[in-house]
Each structure stands twice: as C-alpha cells, then as structure tokens.
PDB file of N, CA and C in Angstrom:
ATOM      1  N   MET A   1     -96.111 146.100  67.106  1.00  0.00           N
ATOM      2  CA  MET A   1     -95.072 147.932  67.068  1.00  0.00           C
ATOM      3  C   MET A   1     -94.801 148.165  66.026  1.00  0.00           C
ATOM      4  N   GLU A   2     -94.452 149.789  65.777  1.00  0.00           N
ATOM      5  CA  GLU A   2     -94.124 150.345  65.035  1.00  0.00           C
ATOM      6  C   GLU A   2     -93.313 149.880  64.809  1.00  0.00           C
ATOM      7  N   LYS A   3     -92.123 150.106  63.316  1.00  0.00           N
ATOM      8  CA  LYS A   3     -90.488 150.560  63.002  1.00  0.00           C
ATOM      9  C   LYS A   3     -90.257 151.531  63.746  1.00  0.00           C
ATOM     10  N   SER A   4     -90.605 152.741  63.517  1.00  0.00           N
ATOM     11  CA  SER A   4     -90.037 153.709  63.980  1.00  0.00           C
ATOM     12  C   SER A   4     -91.054 154.960  64.490  1.00  0.00           C
ATOM     13  N   SER A   5     -90.329 155.910  65.031  1.00  0.00           N
ATOM     14  CA  SER A   5     -91.372 156.898  65.092  1.00  0.00           C
ATOM     15  C   SER A   5     -90.092 158.289  65.144  1.00  0.00           C
ATOM     16  N   ILE A   6     -91.186 159.372  65.480  1.00  0.00           N
ATOM     17  CA  ILE A   6     -90.239 160.424  64.773  1.00  0.00           C
ATOM     18  C   ILE A   6     -90.004 161.264  65.997  1.00  0.00           C
ATOM     19  N   VAL A   7     -89.217 161.999  66.398  1.00  0.00           N
ATOM     20  CA  VAL A   7     -88.486 162.991  67.435  1.00  0.00           C
ATOM     21  C   VAL A   7     -88.252 163.944  66.797  1.00  0.00           C
ATOM     22  N   HIS A   8     -88.659 165.051  67.626  1.00  0.00           N
ATOM     23  CA  HIS A   8     -88.723 166.359  67.013  1.00  0.00           C
ATOM     24  C   HIS A   8     -88.037 167.072  67.981  1.00  0.00           C
ATOM     25  N   THR A   9     -86.870 167.943  67.816  1.00  0.00           N
ATOM     26  CA  THR A   9     -86.741 168.743  68.923  1.00  0.00           C
ATOM     27  C   THR A   9     -85.751 169.668  68.815  1.00  0.00           C
ATOM     28  N   ARG A  10     -85.126 170.722  69.205  1.00  0.00           N
ATOM     29  CA  ARG A  10     -84.812 172.598  69.073  1.00  0.00           C
ATOM     30  C   ARG A  10     -83.840 172.353  69.995  1.00  0.00           C
ATOM     31  N   VAL A  11     -82.438 172.507  68.820  1.00  0.00           N
ATOM     32  CA  VAL A  11     -81.030 172.932  69.551  1.00  0.00           C
ATOM     33  C   VAL A  11     -80.264 173.797  68.922  1.00  0.00           C
ATOM     34  N   SER A  12     -79.629 174.336  69.631  1.00  0.00           N
ATOM     35  CA  SER A  12     -78.767 175.818  68.825  1.00  0.00           C
ATOM     36  C   SER A  12     -78.363 175.448  67.679  1.00  0.00           C
ATOM     37  N   PRO A  13     -78.385 175.653  66.326  1.00  0.00           N
ATOM     38  CA  PRO A  13     -77.622 176.151  64.904  1.00  0.00           C
ATOM     39  C   PRO A  13     -76.769 175.791  64.969  1.00  0.00           C
ATOM     40  N   ASP A  14     -75.619 176.514  65.701  1.00  0.00           N
ATOM     41  CA  ASP A  14     -73.896 176.083  66.131  1.00  0.00           C
ATOM     42  C   ASP A  14     -73.573 174.457  66.333  1.00  0.00           C
ATOM     43  N   VAL A  15     -74.883 174.163  67.486  1.00  0.00           N
ATOM     44  CA  VAL A  15     -74.302 172.880  68.257  1.00  0.00           C
ATOM     45  C   VAL A  15     -74.364 171.597  66.938  1.00  0.00           C
ATOM     46  N   LYS A  16     -75.909 172.458  66.551  1.00  0.00           N
ATOM     47  CA  LYS A  16     -76.239 171.140  65.573  1.00  0.00           C
ATOM     48  C   LYS A  16     -75.363 171.343  64.452  1.00  0.00           C
ATOM     49  N   LYS A  17     -74.698 172.303  63.503  1.00  0.00           N
ATOM     50  CA  LYS A  17     -73.375 171.967  62.762  1.00  0.00           C
ATOM     51  C   LYS A  17     -72.541 171.794  63.317  1.00  0.00           C
ATOM     52  N   GLU A  18     -72.262 171.986  64.895  1.00  0.00           N
ATOM     53  CA  GLU A  18     -70.534 171.115  65.218  1.00  0.00           C
ATOM     54  C   GLU A  18     -70.834 169.904  65.507  1.00  0.00           C
ATOM     55  N   CYS A  19     -71.885 169.425  65.681  1.00  0.00           N
ATOM     56  CA  CYS A  19     -72.360 167.981  65.644  1.00  0.00           C
ATOM     57  C   CYS A  19     -72.036 167.309  64.929  1.00  0.00           C
ATOM     58  N   GLU A  20     -72.439 167.991  63.570  1.00  0.00           N
ATOM     59  CA  GLU A  20     -72.798 167.508  62.204  1.00  0.00           C
ATOM     60  C   GLU A  20     -71.337 167.038  61.721  1.00  0.00           C
ATOM     61  N   VAL A  21     -70.265 167.991  61.859  1.00  0.00           N
ATOM     62  CA  VAL A  21     -69.278 167.306  61.460  1.00  0.00           C
ATOM     63  C   VAL A  21     -68.406 166.522  62.133  1.00  0.00           C
ATOM     64  N   ILE A  22     -68.788 166.273  63.142  1.00  0.00           N
ATOM     65  CA  ILE A  22     -68.058 165.040  64.132  1.00  0.00           C
ATOM     66  C   ILE A  22     -68.911 163.736  63.189  1.00  0.00           C
ATOM     67  N   PHE A  23     -70.198 163.747  63.290  1.00  0.00           N
ATOM     68  CA  PHE A  23     -70.990 162.769  62.706  1.00  0.00           C
ATOM     69  C   PHE A  23     -70.526 162.326  61.841  1.00  0.00           C
ATOM     70  N   ASP A  24     -69.961 163.199  60.818  1.00  0.00           N
ATOM     71  CA  ASP A  24     -69.484 163.432  59.793  1.00  0.00           C
ATOM     72  C   ASP A  24     -68.132 162.313  59.349  1.00  0.00           C
ATOM     73  N   LYS A  25     -67.178 162.846  60.421  1.00  0.00           N
ATOM     74  CA  LYS A  25     -66.101 162.169  60.697  1.00  0.00           C
ATOM     75  C   LYS A  25     -66.310 160.549  61.264  1.00  0.00           C
ATOM     76  N   LEU A  26     -67.453 160.176  62.087  1.00  0.00           N
ATOM     77  CA  LEU A  26     -67.277 159.287  62.422  1.00  0.00           C
ATOM     78  C   LEU A  26     -68.469 158.375  61.451  1.00  0.00           C
ATOM     79  N   GLY A  27     -68.734 158.777  60.377  1.00  0.00           N
ATOM     80  CA  GLY A  27     -69.605 157.879  59.503  1.00  0.00           C
ATOM     81  C   GLY A  27     -70.927 157.926  59.424  1.00  0.00           C
ATOM     82  N   ILE A  28     -71.520 158.341  60.545  1.00  0.00           N
ATOM     83  CA  ILE A  28     -72.787 158.380  60.931  1.00  0.00           C
ATOM     84  C   ILE A  28     -73.333 159.489  60.760  1.00  0.00           C
ATOM     85  N   THR A  29     -75.485 159.389  60.461  1.00  0.00           N
ATOM     86  CA  THR A  29     -75.613 161.035  60.641  1.00  0.00           C
ATOM     87  C   THR A  29     -76.443 161.073  61.841  1.00  0.00           C
ATOM     88  N   THR A  30     -77.027 162.492  61.881  1.00  0.00           N
ATOM     89  CA  THR A  30     -77.493 162.779  63.572  1.00  0.00           C
ATOM     90  C   THR A  30     -78.773 161.906  64.034  1.00  0.00           C
ATOM     91  N   SER A  31     -79.463 161.421  62.856  1.00  0.00           N
ATOM     92  CA  SER A  31     -80.448 160.707  63.182  1.00  0.00           C
ATOM     93  C   SER A  31     -79.823 159.424  63.622  1.00  0.00           C
ATOM     94  N   TYR A  32     -79.189 158.859  63.250  1.00  0.00           N
ATOM     95  CA  TYR A  32     -78.340 157.858  63.937  1.00  0.00           C
ATOM     96  C   TYR A  32     -77.859 158.250  64.876  1.00  0.00           C
ATOM     97  N   ALA A  33     -76.900 158.938  65.030  1.00  0.00           N
ATOM     98  CA  ALA A  33     -76.655 159.185  66.370  1.00  0.00           C
ATOM     99  C   ALA A  33     -77.178 159.394  67.870  1.00  0.00           C
ATOM    100  N   ILE A  34     -78.515 159.782  67.630  1.00  0.00           N
ATOM    101  CA  ILE A  34     -79.769 159.893  68.409  1.00  0.00           C
ATOM    102  C   ILE A  34     -80.397 158.695  68.529  1.00  0.00           C
ATOM    103  N   SER A  35     -80.393 158.160  67.475  1.00  0.00           N
ATOM    104  CA  SER A  35     -81.080 156.396  67.617  1.00  0.00           C
ATOM    105  C   SER A  35     -80.056 155.818  68.353  1.00  0.00           C
ATOM    106  N   LEU A  36     -78.761 156.469  68.428  1.00  0.00           N
ATOM    107  CA  LEU A  36     -77.767 155.319  69.335  1.00  0.00           C
ATOM    108  C   LEU A  36     -77.706 155.731  70.549  1.00  0.00           C
ATOM    109  N   PHE A  37     -78.021 156.902  70.936  1.00  0.00           N
ATOM    110  CA  PHE A  37     -78.495 157.648  72.498  1.00  0.00           C
ATOM    111  C   PHE A  37     -79.626 157.035  72.727  1.00  0.00           C
ATOM    112  N   LEU A  38     -80.290 157.615  72.212  1.00  0.00           N
ATOM    113  CA  LEU A  38     -81.826 157.000  72.951  1.00  0.00           C
ATOM    114  C   LEU A  38     -81.838 155.000  73.138  1.00  0.00           C
ATOM    115  N   ASN A  39     -81.081 154.389  72.464  1.00  0.00           N
ATOM    116  CA  ASN A  39     -81.285 152.982  72.433  1.00  0.00           C
ATOM    117  C   ASN A  39     -80.291 152.482  73.497  1.00  0.00           C
ATOM    118  N   GLN A  40     -79.538 153.656  73.773  1.00  0.00           N
ATOM    119  CA  GLN A  40     -78.513 153.022  75.349  1.00  0.00           C
ATOM    120  C   GLN A  40     -79.235 154.251  76.472  1.00  0.00           C
ATOM    121  N   VAL A  41     -80.066 154.963  75.981  1.00  0.00           N
ATOM    122  CA  VAL A  41     -80.922 154.754  77.596  1.00  0.00           C
ATOM    123  C   VAL A  41     -82.042 153.802  77.801  1.00  0.00           C
ATOM    124  N   SER A  42     -82.100 153.251  76.825  1.00  0.00           N
ATOM    125  CA  SER A  42     -83.363 152.336  77.166  1.00  0.00           C
ATOM    126  C   SER A  42     -82.430 151.282  77.738  1.00  0.00           C
ATOM    127  N   LEU A  43     -81.422 150.861  76.964  1.00  0.00           N
ATOM    128  CA  LEU A  43     -80.629 149.553  77.326  1.00  0.00           C
ATOM    129  C   LEU A  43     -80.046 149.814  78.924  1.00  0.00           C
ATOM    130  N   ARG A  44     -79.846 150.848  79.315  1.00  0.00           N
ATOM    131  CA  ARG A  44     -79.075 151.308  81.056  1.00  0.00           C
ATOM    132  C   ARG A  44     -80.184 151.808  81.454  1.00  0.00           C
ATOM    133  N   LYS A  45     -81.230 152.210  81.028  1.00  0.00           N
ATOM    134  CA  LYS A  45     -82.218 152.873  82.262  1.00  0.00           C
ATOM    135  C   LYS A  45     -82.018 154.263  82.443  1.00  0.00           C
ATOM    136  N   GLY A  46     -81.505 154.553  81.892  1.00  0.00           N
ATOM    137  CA  GLY A  46     -80.958 156.172  82.307  1.00  0.00           C
ATOM    138  C   GLY A  46     -79.693 156.737  81.471  1.00  0.00           C
ATOM    139  N   ILE A  47     -79.623 157.563  82.048  1.00  0.00           N
ATOM    140  CA  ILE A  47     -78.169 158.541  80.617  1.00  0.00           C
ATOM    141  C   ILE A  47     -77.244 157.488  80.482  1.00  0.00           C
ATOM    142  N   PRO A  48     -76.740 157.521  79.242  1.00  0.00           N
ATOM    143  CA  PRO A  48     -75.197 156.698  79.322  1.00  0.00           C
ATOM    144  C   PRO A  48     -74.122 157.433  79.666  1.00  0.00           C
ATOM    145  N   PHE A  49     -74.139 158.095  80.641  1.00  0.00           N
ATOM    146  CA  PHE A  49     -72.395 159.403  80.558  1.00  0.00           C
ATOM    147  C   PHE A  49     -72.937 159.858  81.700  1.00  0.00           C
ATOM    148  N   GLU A  50     -72.332 160.273  82.437  1.00  0.00           N
ATOM    149  CA  GLU A  50     -72.070 161.129  83.607  1.00  0.00           C
ATOM    150  C   GLU A  50     -72.766 162.605  83.508  1.00  0.00           C
ATOM    151  N   ILE A  51     -73.407 162.633  84.049  1.00  0.00           N
ATOM    152  CA  ILE A  51     -74.315 164.287  84.206  1.00  0.00           C
ATOM    153  C   ILE A  51     -74.022 165.059  85.872  1.00  0.00           C
ATOM    154  N   SER A  52     -72.860 165.918  85.480  1.00  0.00           N
ATOM    155  CA  SER A  52     -72.729 166.784  86.893  1.00  0.00           C
ATOM    156  C   SER A  52     -72.318 168.498  86.629  1.00  0.00           C
ATOM    157  N   LEU A  53     -72.487 168.651  87.674  1.00  0.00           N
ATOM    158  CA  LEU A  53     -71.914 170.245  87.886  1.00  0.00           C
ATOM    159  C   LEU A  53     -70.745 170.436  87.731  1.00  0.00           C
ATOM    160  N   PRO A  54     -69.843 171.371  87.233  1.00  0.00           N
ATOM    161  CA  PRO A  54     -68.543 171.416  86.912  1.00  0.00           C
ATOM    162  C   PRO A  54     -68.487 172.538  88.947  1.00  0.00           C
ATOM    163  N   ASP A  55     -67.115 171.735  88.622  1.00  0.00           N
ATOM    164  CA  ASP A  55     -66.898 171.959  90.334  1.00  0.00           C
ATOM    165  C   ASP A  55     -66.468 173.301  90.312  1.00  0.00           C
ATOM    166  N   SER A  56     -67.396 174.233  91.178  1.00  0.00           N
ATOM    167  CA  SER A  56     -67.253 175.480  91.184  1.00  0.00           C
ATOM    168  C   SER A  56     -65.611 176.136  91.351  1.00  0.00           C
ATOM    169  N   ASP A  57     -64.634 175.594  91.919  1.00  0.00           N
ATOM    170  CA  ASP A  57     -63.442 175.815  92.263  1.00  0.00           C
ATOM    171  C   ASP A  57     -62.824 175.705  91.053  1.00  0.00           C
ATOM    172  N   ASN A  58     -62.809 174.743  90.023  1.00  0.00           N
ATOM    173  CA  ASN A  58     -62.557 174.718  89.094  1.00  0.00           C
ATOM    174  C   ASN A  58     -62.621 175.686  87.933  1.00  0.00           C
ATOM    175  N   LEU A  59     -64.019 176.119  88.124  1.00  0.00           N
ATOM    176  CA  LEU A  59     -64.587 177.033  87.035  1.00  0.00           C
ATOM    177  C   LEU A  59     -63.751 178.642  86.188  1.00  0.00           C
ATOM    178  N   VAL A  60     -63.180 179.064  87.354  1.00  0.00           N
ATOM    179  CA  VAL A  60     -62.205 180.079  86.948  1.00  0.00           C
ATOM    180  C   VAL A  60     -61.108 179.930  86.268  1.00  0.00           C
ATOM    181  N   ASP A  61     -60.123 178.871  87.221  1.00  0.00           N
ATOM    182  CA  ASP A  61     -59.124 178.044  85.729  1.00  0.00           C
ATOM    183  C   ASP A  61     -59.345 177.820  84.550  1.00  0.00           C
ATOM    184  N   PHE A  62     -60.557 177.037  84.692  1.00  0.00           N
ATOM    185  CA  PHE A  62     -61.335 176.893  83.029  1.00  0.00           C
ATOM    186  C   PHE A  62     -61.577 177.942  82.143  1.00  0.00           C
ATOM    187  N   ALA A  63     -62.147 178.814  82.875  1.00  0.00           N
ATOM    188  CA  ALA A  63     -62.539 179.974  82.169  1.00  0.00           C
ATOM    189  C   ALA A  63     -61.143 181.047  81.588  1.00  0.00           C
ATOM    190  N   ILE A  64     -60.183 181.041  82.586  1.00  0.00           N
ATOM    191  CA  ILE A  64     -58.871 181.824  81.753  1.00  0.00           C
ATOM    192  C   ILE A  64     -58.177 180.490  81.195  1.00  0.00           C
ATOM    193  N   GLY A  65     -58.361 179.301  81.036  1.00  0.00           N
ATOM    194  CA  GLY A  65     -58.133 178.674  80.133  1.00  0.00           C
ATOM    195  C   GLY A  65     -58.229 178.729  78.585  1.00  0.00           C
ATOM    196  N   ILE A  66     -59.541 178.788  78.727  1.00  0.00           N
ATOM    197  CA  ILE A  66     -59.931 178.822  77.593  1.00  0.00           C
ATOM    198  C   ILE A  66     -59.911 180.367  76.390  1.00  0.00           C
ATOM    199  N   SER A  67     -59.421 181.454  77.624  1.00  0.00           N
ATOM    200  CA  SER A  67     -59.615 182.561  77.173  1.00  0.00           C
ATOM    201  C   SER A  67     -57.991 182.748  76.887  1.00  0.00           C
ATOM    202  N   THR A  68     -57.123 181.744  77.076  1.00  0.00           N
ATOM    203  CA  THR A  68     -55.423 181.798  76.291  1.00  0.00           C
ATOM    204  C   THR A  68     -55.600 181.212  74.409  1.00  0.00           C
ATOM    205  N   VAL A  69     -54.574 181.647  74.115  1.00  0.00           N
ATOM    206  CA  VAL A  69     -54.481 180.802  72.606  1.00  0.00           C
ATOM    207  C   VAL A  69     -52.879 181.414  72.569  1.00  0.00           C
ATOM    208  N   ASP A  70     -52.727 179.913  72.361  1.00  0.00           N
ATOM    209  CA  ASP A  70     -50.656 179.469  72.444  1.00  0.00           C
ATOM    210  C   ASP A  70     -50.292 180.060  73.579  1.00  0.00           C
ATOM    211  N   SER A  71     -50.541 179.766  74.596  1.00  0.00           N
ATOM    212  CA  SER A  71     -50.565 179.674  76.058  1.00  0.00           C
ATOM    213  C   SER A  71     -49.996 181.275  76.587  1.00  0.00           C
ATOM    214  N   LYS A  72     -50.836 182.169  75.714  1.00  0.00           N
ATOM    215  CA  LYS A  72     -50.132 183.414  75.913  1.00  0.00           C
ATOM    216  C   LYS A  72     -51.082 184.046  77.133  1.00  0.00           C
ATOM    217  N   ALA A  73     -50.793 185.264  77.337  1.00  0.00           N
ATOM    218  CA  ALA A  73     -52.077 185.595  78.709  1.00  0.00           C
ATOM    219  C   ALA A  73     -52.941 185.887  77.972  1.00  0.00           C
ATOM    220  N   PRO A  74     -54.837 185.752  78.659  1.00  0.00           N
ATOM    221  CA  PRO A  74     -55.611 186.639  78.132  1.00  0.00           C
ATOM    222  C   PRO A  74     -55.738 188.095  77.269  1.00  0.00           C
ATOM    223  N   SER A  75     -56.010 188.477  75.787  1.00  0.00           N
ATOM    224  CA  SER A  75     -56.260 189.515  76.209  1.00  0.00           C
ATOM    225  C   SER A  75     -57.041 190.216  77.048  1.00  0.00           C
ATOM    226  N   ASP A  76     -57.098 191.962  76.677  1.00  0.00           N
ATOM    227  CA  ASP A  76     -58.107 192.781  77.523  1.00  0.00           C
ATOM    228  C   ASP A  76     -59.132 192.071  77.650  1.00  0.00           C
ATOM    229  N   LYS A  77     -59.955 192.374  76.266  1.00  0.00           N
ATOM    230  CA  LYS A  77     -61.253 191.797  76.590  1.00  0.00           C
ATOM    231  C   LYS A  77     -61.622 190.328  77.122  1.00  0.00           C
ATOM    232  N   ALA A  78     -60.666 189.576  76.567  1.00  0.00           N
ATOM    233  CA  ALA A  78     -61.051 188.289  77.238  1.00  0.00           C
ATOM    234  C   ALA A  78     -60.872 188.546  78.979  1.00  0.00           C
ATOM    235  N   LYS A  79     -60.415 189.611  79.225  1.00  0.00           N
ATOM    236  CA  LYS A  79     -59.889 189.751  80.664  1.00  0.00           C
ATOM    237  C   LYS A  79     -61.278 190.566  81.400  1.00  0.00           C
ATOM    238  N   LYS A  80     -61.597 191.038  80.689  1.00  0.00           N
ATOM    239  CA  LYS A  80     -62.996 191.656  81.138  1.00  0.00           C
ATOM    240  C   LYS A  80     -64.261 190.420  80.630  1.00  0.00           C
ATOM    241  N   LEU A  81     -63.999 189.862  79.811  1.00  0.00           N
ATOM    242  CA  LEU A  81     -65.334 188.987  80.415  1.00  0.00           C
ATOM    243  C   LEU A  81     -65.319 187.717  81.298  1.00  0.00           C
ATOM    244  N   LEU A  82     -63.633 187.415  81.449  1.00  0.00           N
ATOM    245  CA  LEU A  82     -63.392 187.002  82.960  1.00  0.00           C
ATOM    246  C   LEU A  82     -64.103 187.691  83.937  1.00  0.00           C
ATOM    247  N   GLY A  83     -64.211 189.014  83.953  1.00  0.00           N
ATOM    248  CA  GLY A  83     -64.659 189.565  85.408  1.00  0.00           C
ATOM    249  C   GLY A  83     -66.132 189.682  85.235  1.00  0.00           C
ATOM    250  N   LEU A  84     -66.241 189.554  84.320  1.00  0.00           N
ATOM    251  CA  LEU A  84     -68.139 189.812  84.035  1.00  0.00           C
ATOM    252  C   LEU A  84     -68.545 188.449  84.725  1.00  0.00           C
ATOM    253  N   PHE A  85     -67.388 187.455  84.386  1.00  0.00           N
ATOM    254  CA  PHE A  85     -67.977 185.763  84.783  1.00  0.00           C
ATOM    255  C   PHE A  85     -67.918 185.526  85.861  1.00  0.00           C
ATOM    256  N   GLN A  86     -66.761 185.930  86.620  1.00  0.00           N
ATOM    257  CA  GLN A  86     -66.364 186.401  88.096  1.00  0.00           C
ATOM    258  C   GLN A  86     -67.319 186.318  89.100  1.00  0.00           C
ATOM    259  N   GLU A  87     -68.053 187.694  88.652  1.00  0.00           N
ATOM    260  CA  GLU A  87     -68.765 188.834  89.397  1.00  0.00           C
ATOM    261  C   GLU A  87     -70.810 188.100  88.940  1.00  0.00           C
ATOM    262  N   GLY A  88     -70.588 187.051  88.159  1.00  0.00           N
ATOM    263  CA  GLY A  88     -71.557 186.740  87.778  1.00  0.00           C
ATOM    264  C   GLY A  88     -72.782 187.445  87.095  1.00  0.00           C
ATOM    265  N   VAL A  89     -71.929 188.154  86.611  1.00  0.00           N
ATOM    266  CA  VAL A  89     -72.633 189.040  84.819  1.00  0.00           C
ATOM    267  C   VAL A  89     -73.249 188.169  84.072  1.00  0.00           C
ATOM    268  N   ILE A  90     -73.036 186.835  83.162  1.00  0.00           N
ATOM    269  CA  ILE A  90     -72.433 185.828  82.663  1.00  0.00           C
ATOM    270  C   ILE A  90     -72.327 185.126  82.968  1.00  0.00           C
ATOM    271  N   ASP A  91     -72.593 183.922  82.892  1.00  0.00           N
ATOM    272  CA  ASP A  91     -72.773 182.525  83.192  1.00  0.00           C
ATOM    273  C   ASP A  91     -71.486 182.128  81.970  1.00  0.00           C
ATOM    274  N   LEU A  92     -71.103 180.709  82.383  1.00  0.00           N
ATOM    275  CA  LEU A  92     -69.866 179.990  81.591  1.00  0.00           C
ATOM    276  C   LEU A  92     -70.226 179.789  80.144  1.00  0.00           C
ATOM    277  N   GLU A  93     -71.722 179.581  79.932  1.00  0.00           N
ATOM    278  CA  GLU A  93     -72.044 179.184  78.540  1.00  0.00           C
ATOM    279  C   GLU A  93     -71.915 180.548  77.421  1.00  0.00           C
ATOM    280  N   THR A  94     -72.074 181.388  78.242  1.00  0.00           N
ATOM    281  CA  THR A  94     -72.399 182.677  77.342  1.00  0.00           C
ATOM    282  C   THR A  94     -70.763 183.194  77.338  1.00  0.00           C
ATOM    283  N   TYR A  95     -69.746 182.673  78.782  1.00  0.00           N
ATOM    284  CA  TYR A  95     -68.422 183.204  78.758  1.00  0.00           C
ATOM    285  C   TYR A  95     -67.616 182.400  77.528  1.00  0.00           C
ATOM    286  N   GLU A  96     -68.061 181.168  77.475  1.00  0.00           N
ATOM    287  CA  GLU A  96     -67.478 180.334  76.717  1.00  0.00           C
ATOM    288  C   GLU A  96     -67.569 180.926  75.250  1.00  0.00           C
ATOM    289  N   PHE A  97     -68.991 181.112  75.007  1.00  0.00           N
ATOM    290  CA  PHE A  97     -69.703 181.501  73.458  1.00  0.00           C
ATOM    291  C   PHE A  97     -68.734 182.524  72.995  1.00  0.00           C
ATOM    292  N   ALA A  98     -68.549 184.280  74.045  1.00  0.00           N
ATOM    293  CA  ALA A  98     -68.559 185.195  73.680  1.00  0.00           C
ATOM    294  C   ALA A  98     -66.281 184.453  73.279  1.00  0.00           C
ATOM    295  N   ILE A  99     -65.724 183.827  74.304  1.00  0.00           N
ATOM    296  CA  ILE A  99     -64.716 183.767  74.046  1.00  0.00           C
ATOM    297  C   ILE A  99     -64.147 182.611  72.843  1.00  0.00           C
ATOM    298  N   ARG A 100     -65.227 182.014  72.192  1.00  0.00           N
ATOM    299  CA  ARG A 100     -64.758 181.730  70.972  1.00  0.00           C
ATOM    300  C   ARG A 100     -65.580 182.051  70.077  1.00  0.00           C
ATOM    301  N   ARG A 101     -66.166 182.870  69.887  1.00  0.00           N
ATOM    302  CA  ARG A 101     -66.242 183.948  68.887  1.00  0.00           C
ATOM    303  C   ARG A 101     -64.822 184.912  68.948  1.00  0.00           C
ATOM    304  N   MET A 102     -64.606 185.369  69.690  1.00  0.00           N
ATOM    305  CA  MET A 102     -63.589 186.312  69.688  1.00  0.00           C
ATOM    306  C   MET A 102     -62.075 185.541  69.091  1.00  0.00           C
ATOM    307  N   TYR A 103     -62.351 184.573  69.391  1.00  0.00           N
ATOM    308  CA  TYR A 103     -60.795 183.994  68.830  1.00  0.00           C
ATOM    309  C   TYR A 103     -61.310 183.068  68.073  1.00  0.00           C
ATOM    310  N   GLN A 104     -62.095 182.653  67.248  1.00  0.00           N
ATOM    311  CA  GLN A 104     -62.131 182.500  66.111  1.00  0.00           C
ATOM    312  C   GLN A 104     -61.634 182.237  64.953  1.00  0.00           C
ATOM    313  N   ASN A 105     -61.109 183.560  65.121  1.00  0.00           N
ATOM    314  CA  ASN A 105     -59.903 183.920  63.617  1.00  0.00           C
ATOM    315  C   ASN A 105     -58.732 183.535  63.944  1.00  0.00           C
ATOM    316  N   VAL A 106     -58.237 183.720  65.106  1.00  0.00           N
ATOM    317  CA  VAL A 106     -56.843 183.456  65.506  1.00  0.00           C
ATOM    318  C   VAL A 106     -56.514 182.337  64.831  1.00  0.00           C
TER     319      VAL A 106
END
C-alpha cells in the first residue's frame, strides 16, 4: 500500500487565501486540512457535515443582513444588488461576493 497519493484540485484563489489564514491560526497546513477531511469521509462513509440548500424564505433576510454595516441600513448600491438578487438576475454567491467587495474597506 502506498504511503501517500497526490490530490489535485482547483479552487478560487480568494477561498484558498481565506482558508490558509484560518488553517494558519489552527496551526495546520492546507494539505493537512484536506487529509483530515478525506480521512473523515472514509471513516464516516460520507461527507462529515450536513450539506443542504439554504431555506429560500431566509435568503432575502440573509442578503439584507450581509449588506448592512454596524446595523445601519443597506446603502443604495447594496439595495440595487439586493434587487438584482431578489429578481434572480444574480445568485446568492455573486450577491455575497459583491457585498463583501463593497464593504471590504469599511
């Protein structure tokens, strides 16, 4: 039996950076975190956490929540993005990305 195998995967550079910061705080490497995940899948014979679609009734509340800063009302730009999300023009991931970019320097 081989001692190790190589796993290649593609992820968003932003997600990779965010995860690396978290892993660094935990004192582990990205490689070790992936090994932990794969070992848990093997042990549990499935994904080691719940995967579900968000409750559509709560999506708008969530969207409004992430578009506010310090409990202030959403800005006009955030309201426009929220409208696009509610109309189905953009999905939740795109909406959240745009809101985070908008407020990253606030």
